[in-house]
Amino acid sequence: MNNQDNKISALIISYNEIGYIERCVESVTFADEIIVVDSYSTDGTYEFLRNHPKVKVIQHPFSNFTLQKSFALKQAQHDWVLFLDADEVVTEGLKNEIQEKVDSDTEVAAFWFYRKFMFQKSPLHFSGWQTDKNYRLFRKSKAQFSDKKIVHETLDVNGKSGVFKEKLTHYCYKDYDDYKAKMLRYGRLKAKEDFYREKQFSYVSLVVKPLWKFFNHFVIRLGFLDGKRGVIISYLNALSDLERFRELKKLEKKNELAYYLLMP
């Protein structure tokens, strides 16, 4: 890619991603620069990135996903940005489609990617993920991360959006404990988001929302067709909602306590 306008910055954020990050980085070596913002990994991720000849790694404290990705976006030198999670991999077919679109001088400002979810080494065909898509390739000059969300961040795009045919491979499930920890973390971040938006805790939500999440993923979104894997994924996604409301209750209690302690 000799044309400056068609150069690509590949951006990734990471924390303790050894076992994932290697495949992710290797899949984007076609980009003109690879920048990884690492939030002080302790499992060898940072050392791997620091020693990789094609990677520029920056350590930056993690507050939430939106702030971390916004920081990473500011580091990009090129207008075209390919933003991946550390457990995502660009296939050869998707790489070719990316390069074709960027080289075509398209007027599209951002592209949606559908994702193929991997449960260890096998694909998940249902369980709510069959229609999942995210913005992954976009022009830096025409997009920014919304400050309204701190988890499952949203991109605000000024211009046309397109959709890629090839899917991004997402290695979402390494093992039970890893995925459970990830879902609990998402739940706690969602609780902070709810708290800042002044959403109120309720016992009805604590009970109904997780049950609905499981039913939605396992029954309506056909998780039962994924067998035992569908049960596990649906349960852990429901657990994330349960943790969300438990954490929201804790945040409200802390806020009430602080209020009473500050009263004259």
C-alpha atoms as a PDB file:
ATOM      1  CA  MET A   1       0.000   0.000   0.000  1.00  0.00           C
ATOM      2  CA  ASN A   2       1.978   2.962  -1.270  1.00  0.00           C
ATOM      3  CA  ASN A   3      -0.821   5.482  -1.236  1.00  0.00           C
ATOM      4  CA  GLN A   4      -0.738   7.292   2.111  1.00  0.00           C
ATOM      5  CA  ASP A   5      -4.551   7.502   2.145  1.00  0.00           C
ATOM      6  CA  ASN A   6      -4.817   3.708   1.881  1.00  0.00           C
ATOM      7  CA  LYS A   7      -2.515   2.802   4.744  1.00  0.00           C
ATOM      8  CA  ILE A   8      -3.969   0.921   7.707  1.00  0.00           C
ATOM      9  CA  SER A   9      -3.309   1.200  11.431  1.00  0.00           C
ATOM     10  CA  ALA A  10      -4.145  -2.015  13.278  1.00  0.00           C
ATOM     11  CA  LEU A  11      -5.086  -1.304  16.898  1.00  0.00           C
ATOM     12  CA  ILE A  12      -5.531  -3.776  19.762  1.00  0.00           C
ATOM     13  CA  ILE A  13      -6.025  -3.391  23.504  1.00  0.00           C
ATOM     14  CA  SER A  14      -4.770  -6.118  25.802  1.00  0.00           C
ATOM     15  CA  TYR A  15      -4.561  -7.406  29.344  1.00  0.00           C
ATOM     16  CA  ASN A  16      -3.216 -10.885  30.107  1.00  0.00           C
ATOM     17  CA  GLU A  17      -3.938 -12.181  26.610  1.00  0.00           C
ATOM     18  CA  ILE A  18      -1.110 -14.698  26.168  1.00  0.00           C
ATOM     19  CA  GLY A  19      -2.471 -17.606  24.161  1.00  0.00           C
ATOM     20  CA  TYR A  20      -4.718 -15.241  22.179  1.00  0.00           C
ATOM     21  CA  ILE A  21      -2.624 -12.213  21.259  1.00  0.00           C
ATOM     22  CA  GLU A  22      -0.072 -14.167  19.215  1.00  0.00           C
ATOM     23  CA  ARG A  23      -2.660 -15.261  16.629  1.00  0.00           C
ATOM     24  CA  CYS A  24      -4.292 -11.846  16.604  1.00  0.00           C
ATOM     25  CA  VAL A  25      -1.050  -9.986  15.889  1.00  0.00           C
ATOM     26  CA  GLU A  26       0.042 -12.482  13.249  1.00  0.00           C
ATOM     27  CA  SER A  27      -3.268 -12.057  11.416  1.00  0.00           C
ATOM     28  CA  VAL A  28      -2.796  -8.275  11.014  1.00  0.00           C
ATOM     29  CA  THR A  29       0.846  -8.153   9.933  1.00  0.00           C
ATOM     30  CA  PHE A  30      -0.401  -6.919   6.545  1.00  0.00           C
ATOM     31  CA  ALA A  31      -1.272  -3.571   8.198  1.00  0.00           C
ATOM     32  CA  ASP A  32       1.138  -0.656   7.870  1.00  0.00           C
ATOM     33  CA  GLU A  33       1.456  -0.336  11.632  1.00  0.00           C
ATOM     34  CA  ILE A  34       0.360  -2.427  14.605  1.00  0.00           C
ATOM     35  CA  ILE A  35      -0.211  -0.637  17.917  1.00  0.00           C
ATOM     36  CA  VAL A  36      -1.186  -2.492  21.078  1.00  0.00           C
ATOM     37  CA  VAL A  37      -2.233  -0.645  24.217  1.00  0.00           C
ATOM     38  CA  ASP A  38      -1.583  -2.966  27.138  1.00  0.00           C
ATOM     39  CA  SER A  39      -2.960  -2.352  30.638  1.00  0.00           C
ATOM     40  CA  TYR A  40       0.038  -3.770  32.524  1.00  0.00           C
ATOM     41  CA  SER A  41      -0.296  -7.483  31.772  1.00  0.00           C
ATOM     42  CA  THR A  42       1.368  -9.909  34.173  1.00  0.00           C
ATOM     43  CA  ASP A  43       1.252 -13.128  32.120  1.00  0.00           C
ATOM     44  CA  GLY A  44       3.955 -12.425  29.516  1.00  0.00           C
ATOM     45  CA  THR A  45       1.709 -10.520  27.081  1.00  0.00           C
ATOM     46  CA  TYR A  46       3.704  -7.299  27.383  1.00  0.00           C
ATOM     47  CA  GLU A  47       7.054  -9.074  26.973  1.00  0.00           C
ATOM     48  CA  PHE A  48       5.793 -10.846  23.831  1.00  0.00           C
ATOM     49  CA  LEU A  49       4.574  -7.567  22.354  1.00  0.00           C
ATOM     50  CA  ARG A  50       7.716  -5.638  23.285  1.00  0.00           C
ATOM     51  CA  ASN A  51       9.876  -8.226  21.494  1.00  0.00           C
ATOM     52  CA  HIS A  52       7.707  -8.421  18.376  1.00  0.00           C
ATOM     53  CA  PRO A  53       9.445  -6.597  15.494  1.00  0.00           C
ATOM     54  CA  LYS A  54       6.223  -5.286  13.929  1.00  0.00           C
ATOM     55  CA  VAL A  55       4.431  -4.139  17.093  1.00  0.00           C
ATOM     56  CA  LYS A  56       4.523  -0.834  18.934  1.00  0.00           C
ATOM     57  CA  VAL A  57       3.297  -1.518  22.471  1.00  0.00           C
ATOM     58  CA  ILE A  58       2.213   1.206  24.896  1.00  0.00           C
ATOM     59  CA  GLN A  59       1.296   0.530  28.520  1.00  0.00           C
ATOM     60  CA  HIS A  60      -1.660   2.550  29.746  1.00  0.00           C
ATOM     61  CA  PRO A  61      -3.858   2.049  32.863  1.00  0.00           C
ATOM     62  CA  PHE A  62      -7.318   0.616  32.197  1.00  0.00           C
ATOM     63  CA  SER A  63     -10.378   2.572  33.356  1.00  0.00           C
ATOM     64  CA  ASN A  64     -12.972   1.190  30.967  1.00  0.00           C
ATOM     65  CA  PHE A  65     -13.134  -0.121  27.415  1.00  0.00           C
ATOM     66  CA  THR A  66     -14.274   3.120  25.822  1.00  0.00           C
ATOM     67  CA  LEU A  67     -11.505   5.228  27.357  1.00  0.00           C
ATOM     68  CA  GLN A  68      -8.875   2.607  26.580  1.00  0.00           C
ATOM     69  CA  LYS A  69      -9.944   2.300  22.954  1.00  0.00           C
ATOM     70  CA  SER A  70     -10.206   6.078  22.584  1.00  0.00           C
ATOM     71  CA  PHE A  71      -6.629   6.379  23.856  1.00  0.00           C
ATOM     72  CA  ALA A  72      -5.479   3.723  21.387  1.00  0.00           C
ATOM     73  CA  LEU A  73      -7.272   5.492  18.533  1.00  0.00           C
ATOM     74  CA  LYS A  74      -5.287   8.675  19.221  1.00  0.00           C
ATOM     75  CA  GLN A  75      -2.043   6.746  18.662  1.00  0.00           C
ATOM     76  CA  ALA A  76      -2.908   5.728  15.090  1.00  0.00           C
ATOM     77  CA  GLN A  77      -0.899   7.449  12.362  1.00  0.00           C
ATOM     78  CA  HIS A  78      -3.190   6.486   9.489  1.00  0.00           C
ATOM     79  CA  ASP A  79      -6.806   7.345   8.748  1.00  0.00           C
ATOM     80  CA  TRP A  80      -7.922   3.769   8.102  1.00  0.00           C
ATOM     81  CA  VAL A  81      -8.105   1.923  11.403  1.00  0.00           C
ATOM     82  CA  LEU A  82      -8.597  -1.815  11.905  1.00  0.00           C
ATOM     83  CA  PHE A  83      -9.561  -2.217  15.568  1.00  0.00           C
ATOM     84  CA  LEU A  84      -9.536  -5.745  16.987  1.00  0.00           C
ATOM     85  CA  ASP A  85      -9.969  -7.405  20.348  1.00  0.00           C
ATOM     86  CA  ALA A  86      -6.989  -9.519  21.366  1.00  0.00           C
ATOM     87  CA  ASP A  87      -8.973 -12.750  20.938  1.00  0.00           C
ATOM     88  CA  GLU A  88     -10.019 -11.970  17.354  1.00  0.00           C
ATOM     89  CA  VAL A  89      -8.280 -13.198  14.205  1.00  0.00           C
ATOM     90  CA  VAL A  90      -8.453 -11.898  10.635  1.00  0.00           C
ATOM     91  CA  THR A  91      -8.741 -14.778   8.172  1.00  0.00           C
ATOM     92  CA  GLU A  92      -6.976 -14.750   4.815  1.00  0.00           C
ATOM     93  CA  GLY A  93     -10.272 -14.136   3.014  1.00  0.00           C
ATOM     94  CA  LEU A  94     -11.156 -11.228   5.306  1.00  0.00           C
ATOM     95  CA  LYS A  95      -7.676  -9.755   4.888  1.00  0.00           C
ATOM     96  CA  ASN A  96      -8.134  -9.736   1.105  1.00  0.00           C
ATOM     97  CA  GLU A  97     -11.558  -8.115   1.434  1.00  0.00           C
ATOM     98  CA  ILE A  98     -10.166  -5.423   3.749  1.00  0.00           C
ATOM     99  CA  GLN A  99      -7.347  -4.586   1.352  1.00  0.00           C
ATOM    100  CA  GLU A 100      -9.701  -4.495  -1.628  1.00  0.00           C
ATOM    101  CA  LYS A 101     -12.068  -2.063   0.106  1.00  0.00           C
ATOM    102  CA  VAL A 102      -9.329   0.248   1.347  1.00  0.00           C
ATOM    103  CA  ASP A 103      -7.566   0.287  -2.049  1.00  0.00           C
ATOM    104  CA  SER A 104     -10.852   1.021  -3.841  1.00  0.00           C
ATOM    105  CA  ASP A 105     -11.065   4.571  -2.421  1.00  0.00           C
ATOM    106  CA  THR A 106     -14.531   3.750  -1.116  1.00  0.00           C
ATOM    107  CA  GLU A 107     -16.772   6.472   0.264  1.00  0.00           C
ATOM    108  CA  VAL A 108     -17.874   4.187   3.087  1.00  0.00           C
ATOM    109  CA  ALA A 109     -16.682   5.542   6.461  1.00  0.00           C
ATOM    110  CA  ALA A 110     -16.980   2.359   8.542  1.00  0.00           C
ATOM    111  CA  PHE A 111     -17.547  -1.349   8.011  1.00  0.00           C
ATOM    112  CA  TRP A 112     -19.438  -3.869  10.123  1.00  0.00           C
ATOM    113  CA  PHE A 113     -17.806  -7.264  10.615  1.00  0.00           C
ATOM    114  CA  TYR A 114     -19.824 -10.368  11.403  1.00  0.00           C
ATOM    115  CA  ARG A 115     -17.998 -12.718  13.753  1.00  0.00           C
ATOM    116  CA  LYS A 116     -17.610 -16.477  13.926  1.00  0.00           C
ATOM    117  CA  PHE A 117     -17.468 -17.471  17.596  1.00  0.00           C
ATOM    118  CA  MET A 118     -15.117 -20.242  18.629  1.00  0.00           C
ATOM    119  CA  PHE A 119     -15.763 -22.407  21.689  1.00  0.00           C
ATOM    120  CA  GLN A 120     -12.208 -23.627  22.290  1.00  0.00           C
ATOM    121  CA  LYS A 121     -11.449 -25.093  18.842  1.00  0.00           C
ATOM    122  CA  SER A 122     -15.019 -25.567  17.583  1.00  0.00           C
ATOM    123  CA  PRO A 123     -17.375 -22.918  16.154  1.00  0.00           C
ATOM    124  CA  LEU A 124     -20.561 -21.904  17.954  1.00  0.00           C
ATOM    125  CA  HIS A 125     -23.337 -21.753  15.389  1.00  0.00           C
ATOM    126  CA  PHE A 126     -26.150 -20.420  17.593  1.00  0.00           C
ATOM    127  CA  SER A 127     -26.480 -19.374  21.288  1.00  0.00           C
ATOM    128  CA  GLY A 128     -27.274 -15.786  20.319  1.00  0.00           C
ATOM    129  CA  TRP A 129     -24.085 -15.103  18.376  1.00  0.00           C
ATOM    130  CA  GLN A 130     -25.272 -15.881  14.857  1.00  0.00           C
ATOM    131  CA  THR A 131     -26.212 -12.246  14.111  1.00  0.00           C
ATOM    132  CA  ASP A 132     -23.450 -10.570  16.137  1.00  0.00           C
ATOM    133  CA  LYS A 133     -21.585  -7.818  14.309  1.00  0.00           C
ATOM    134  CA  ASN A 134     -19.304  -4.924  15.244  1.00  0.00           C
ATOM    135  CA  TYR A 135     -17.539  -2.037  13.597  1.00  0.00           C
ATOM    136  CA  ARG A 136     -13.923  -3.085  13.092  1.00  0.00           C
ATOM    137  CA  LEU A 137     -12.633  -1.092  10.084  1.00  0.00           C
ATOM    138  CA  PHE A 138     -13.267   2.630   9.875  1.00  0.00           C
ATOM    139  CA  ARG A 139     -11.822   6.013   9.014  1.00  0.00           C
ATOM    140  CA  LYS A 140     -10.388   7.723  12.074  1.00  0.00           C
ATOM    141  CA  SER A 141     -11.425  11.096  10.654  1.00  0.00           C
ATOM    142  CA  LYS A 142     -15.089  10.041  10.493  1.00  0.00           C
ATOM    143  CA  ALA A 143     -15.636   8.000  13.667  1.00  0.00           C
ATOM    144  CA  GLN A 144     -15.160   8.135  17.404  1.00  0.00           C
ATOM    145  CA  PHE A 145     -16.123   6.008  20.383  1.00  0.00           C
ATOM    146  CA  SER A 146     -19.272   7.171  22.145  1.00  0.00           C
ATOM    147  CA  ASP A 147     -18.819   8.308  25.745  1.00  0.00           C
ATOM    148  CA  LYS A 148     -22.280   6.917  26.598  1.00  0.00           C
ATOM    149  CA  LYS A 149     -20.998   3.366  27.110  1.00  0.00           C
ATOM    150  CA  ILE A 150     -18.026   1.986  29.035  1.00  0.00           C
ATOM    151  CA  VAL A 151     -18.477  -1.671  28.022  1.00  0.00           C
ATOM    152  CA  HIS A 152     -19.536  -3.053  24.617  1.00  0.00           C
ATOM    153  CA  GLU A 153     -18.407   0.330  23.362  1.00  0.00           C
ATOM    154  CA  THR A 154     -20.243   2.003  20.484  1.00  0.00           C
ATOM    155  CA  LEU A 155     -18.753   3.799  17.509  1.00  0.00           C
ATOM    156  CA  ASP A 156     -20.348   7.048  16.343  1.00  0.00           C
ATOM    157  CA  VAL A 157     -19.888   7.231  12.575  1.00  0.00           C
ATOM    158  CA  ASN A 158     -20.193  10.338  10.417  1.00  0.00           C
ATOM    159  CA  GLY A 159     -20.888   8.817   7.016  1.00  0.00           C
ATOM    160  CA  LYS A 160     -21.957   5.642   5.244  1.00  0.00           C
ATOM    161  CA  SER A 161     -21.597   2.185   6.767  1.00  0.00           C
ATOM    162  CA  GLY A 162     -20.866  -1.044   4.921  1.00  0.00           C
ATOM    163  CA  VAL A 163     -20.790  -4.750   5.795  1.00  0.00           C
ATOM    164  CA  PHE A 164     -18.083  -7.293   5.024  1.00  0.00           C
ATOM    165  CA  LYS A 165     -18.962 -10.700   3.608  1.00  0.00           C
ATOM    166  CA  GLU A 166     -16.085 -12.556   5.262  1.00  0.00           C
ATOM    167  CA  LYS A 167     -16.323 -13.144   9.014  1.00  0.00           C
ATOM    168  CA  LEU A 168     -13.893 -12.261  11.767  1.00  0.00           C
ATOM    169  CA  THR A 169     -12.934 -15.263  13.906  1.00  0.00           C
ATOM    170  CA  HIS A 170     -13.532 -14.654  17.623  1.00  0.00           C
ATOM    171  CA  TYR A 171     -11.921 -17.067  20.085  1.00  0.00           C
ATOM    172  CA  CYS A 172     -14.330 -16.120  22.840  1.00  0.00           C
ATOM    173  CA  TYR A 173     -14.111 -19.282  24.956  1.00  0.00           C
ATOM    174  CA  LYS A 174     -10.697 -20.542  26.096  1.00  0.00           C
ATOM    175  CA  ASP A 175     -11.972 -22.432  29.137  1.00  0.00           C
ATOM    176  CA  TYR A 176     -14.764 -22.177  31.708  1.00  0.00           C
ATOM    177  CA  ASP A 177     -12.889 -20.121  34.303  1.00  0.00           C
ATOM    178  CA  ASP A 178     -11.532 -17.684  31.711  1.00  0.00           C
ATOM    179  CA  TYR A 179     -14.949 -17.007  30.159  1.00  0.00           C
ATOM    180  CA  LYS A 180     -16.620 -16.789  33.568  1.00  0.00           C
ATOM    181  CA  ALA A 181     -14.086 -14.178  34.724  1.00  0.00           C
ATOM    182  CA  LYS A 182     -14.661 -12.226  31.521  1.00  0.00           C
ATOM    183  CA  MET A 183     -18.451 -12.259  31.947  1.00  0.00           C
ATOM    184  CA  LEU A 184     -18.242 -11.189  35.601  1.00  0.00           C
ATOM    185  CA  ARG A 185     -15.943  -8.342  34.627  1.00  0.00           C
ATOM    186  CA  TYR A 186     -18.368  -7.197  31.934  1.00  0.00           C
ATOM    187  CA  GLY A 187     -21.200  -7.358  34.458  1.00  0.00           C
ATOM    188  CA  ARG A 188     -19.374  -5.118  36.928  1.00  0.00           C
ATOM    189  CA  LEU A 189     -18.521  -2.594  34.222  1.00  0.00           C
ATOM    190  CA  LYS A 190     -22.148  -2.599  33.060  1.00  0.00           C
ATOM    191  CA  ALA A 191     -23.192  -1.864  36.649  1.00  0.00           C
ATOM    192  CA  LYS A 192     -20.916   1.197  36.697  1.00  0.00           C
ATOM    193  CA  GLU A 193     -22.439   2.329  33.428  1.00  0.00           C
ATOM    194  CA  ASP A 194     -25.952   1.919  34.877  1.00  0.00           C
ATOM    195  CA  PHE A 195     -24.944   3.740  38.054  1.00  0.00           C
ATOM    196  CA  TYR A 196     -23.515   6.727  36.171  1.00  0.00           C
ATOM    197  CA  ARG A 197     -26.707   6.879  34.100  1.00  0.00           C
ATOM    198  CA  GLU A 198     -28.725   6.855  37.353  1.00  0.00           C
ATOM    199  CA  LYS A 199     -30.498   3.576  36.679  1.00  0.00           C
ATOM    200  CA  GLN A 200     -32.016   2.171  39.867  1.00  0.00           C
ATOM    201  CA  PHE A 201     -31.430  -1.305  41.285  1.00  0.00           C
ATOM    202  CA  SER A 202     -34.509  -3.496  41.687  1.00  0.00           C
ATOM    203  CA  TYR A 203     -34.975  -7.064  42.896  1.00  0.00           C
ATOM    204  CA  VAL A 204     -37.271  -7.679  39.946  1.00  0.00           C
ATOM    205  CA  SER A 205     -34.391  -6.950  37.550  1.00  0.00           C
ATOM    206  CA  LEU A 206     -32.014  -9.037  39.670  1.00  0.00           C
ATOM    207  CA  VAL A 207     -34.245 -12.079  39.155  1.00  0.00           C
ATOM    208  CA  VAL A 208     -35.945 -11.500  35.802  1.00  0.00           C
ATOM    209  CA  LYS A 209     -33.074 -10.147  33.667  1.00  0.00           C
ATOM    210  CA  PRO A 210     -30.683 -13.113  34.136  1.00  0.00           C
ATOM    211  CA  LEU A 211     -33.524 -15.605  33.598  1.00  0.00           C
ATOM    212  CA  TRP A 212     -34.558 -13.793  30.436  1.00  0.00           C
ATOM    213  CA  LYS A 213     -30.943 -13.682  29.199  1.00  0.00           C
ATOM    214  CA  PHE A 214     -30.613 -17.446  29.583  1.00  0.00           C
ATOM    215  CA  PHE A 215     -33.994 -18.117  27.954  1.00  0.00           C
ATOM    216  CA  ASN A 216     -33.233 -15.723  25.102  1.00  0.00           C
ATOM    217  CA  HIS A 217     -29.833 -17.238  24.294  1.00  0.00           C
ATOM    218  CA  PHE A 218     -30.705 -20.886  24.901  1.00  0.00           C
ATOM    219  CA  VAL A 219     -34.244 -21.075  23.507  1.00  0.00           C
ATOM    220  CA  ILE A 220     -35.085 -18.091  21.294  1.00  0.00           C
ATOM    221  CA  ARG A 221     -31.555 -17.775  19.845  1.00  0.00           C
ATOM    222  CA  LEU A 222     -31.339 -21.574  19.486  1.00  0.00           C
ATOM    223  CA  GLY A 223     -28.521 -22.209  21.955  1.00  0.00           C
ATOM    224  CA  PHE A 224     -29.899 -25.699  22.579  1.00  0.00           C
ATOM    225  CA  LEU A 225     -28.710 -26.620  19.072  1.00  0.00           C
ATOM    226  CA  ASP A 226     -25.133 -26.070  20.308  1.00  0.00           C
ATOM    227  CA  GLY A 227     -25.698 -28.792  22.915  1.00  0.00           C
ATOM    228  CA  LYS A 228     -23.685 -28.645  26.131  1.00  0.00           C
ATOM    229  CA  ARG A 229     -21.707 -25.686  24.784  1.00  0.00           C
ATOM    230  CA  GLY A 230     -24.960 -23.758  24.371  1.00  0.00           C
ATOM    231  CA  VAL A 231     -25.897 -24.455  27.994  1.00  0.00           C
ATOM    232  CA  ILE A 232     -22.519 -23.173  29.230  1.00  0.00           C
ATOM    233  CA  ILE A 233     -22.517 -20.014  27.115  1.00  0.00           C
ATOM    234  CA  SER A 234     -26.156 -19.175  27.907  1.00  0.00           C
ATOM    235  CA  TYR A 235     -25.573 -19.720  31.639  1.00  0.00           C
ATOM    236  CA  LEU A 236     -22.423 -17.575  31.787  1.00  0.00           C
ATOM    237  CA  ASN A 237     -24.059 -14.773  29.816  1.00  0.00           C
ATOM    238  CA  ALA A 238     -26.954 -14.858  32.295  1.00  0.00           C
ATOM    239  CA  LEU A 239     -24.421 -14.826  35.137  1.00  0.00           C
ATOM    240  CA  SER A 240     -23.023 -11.588  33.722  1.00  0.00           C
ATOM    241  CA  ASP A 241     -26.446  -9.952  34.086  1.00  0.00           C
ATOM    242  CA  LEU A 242     -26.773 -11.306  37.627  1.00  0.00           C
ATOM    243  CA  GLU A 243     -23.389  -9.817  38.536  1.00  0.00           C
ATOM    244  CA  ARG A 244     -24.438  -6.537  36.927  1.00  0.00           C
ATOM    245  CA  PHE A 245     -27.377  -6.074  39.302  1.00  0.00           C
ATOM    246  CA  ARG A 246     -25.528  -7.370  42.353  1.00  0.00           C
ATOM    247  CA  GLU A 247     -22.781  -4.833  41.682  1.00  0.00           C
ATOM    248  CA  LEU A 248     -25.298  -2.048  41.051  1.00  0.00           C
ATOM    249  CA  LYS A 249     -26.806  -2.722  44.482  1.00  0.00           C
ATOM    250  CA  LYS A 250     -23.329  -2.483  46.057  1.00  0.00           C
ATOM    251  CA  LEU A 251     -22.616   0.812  44.289  1.00  0.00           C
ATOM    252  CA  GLU A 252     -25.892   2.294  45.492  1.00  0.00           C
ATOM    253  CA  LYS A 253     -25.151   1.228  49.075  1.00  0.00           C
ATOM    254  CA  LYS A 254     -21.686   2.779  48.926  1.00  0.00           C
ATOM    255  CA  ASN A 255     -23.176   5.980  47.579  1.00  0.00           C
ATOM    256  CA  GLU A 256     -25.784   6.086  50.362  1.00  0.00           C
ATOM    257  CA  LEU A 257     -23.116   5.489  53.003  1.00  0.00           C
ATOM    258  CA  ALA A 258     -20.941   8.272  51.599  1.00  0.00           C
ATOM    259  CA  TYR A 259     -23.944  10.613  51.607  1.00  0.00           C
ATOM    260  CA  TYR A 260     -24.728   9.942  55.270  1.00  0.00           C
ATOM    261  CA  LEU A 261     -21.076  10.284  56.290  1.00  0.00           C
ATOM    262  CA  LEU A 262     -20.929  13.702  54.623  1.00  0.00           C
ATOM    263  CA  MET A 263     -24.108  14.970  56.270  1.00  0.00           C
ATOM    264  CA  PRO A 264     -23.494  17.695  58.911  1.00  0.00           C
END
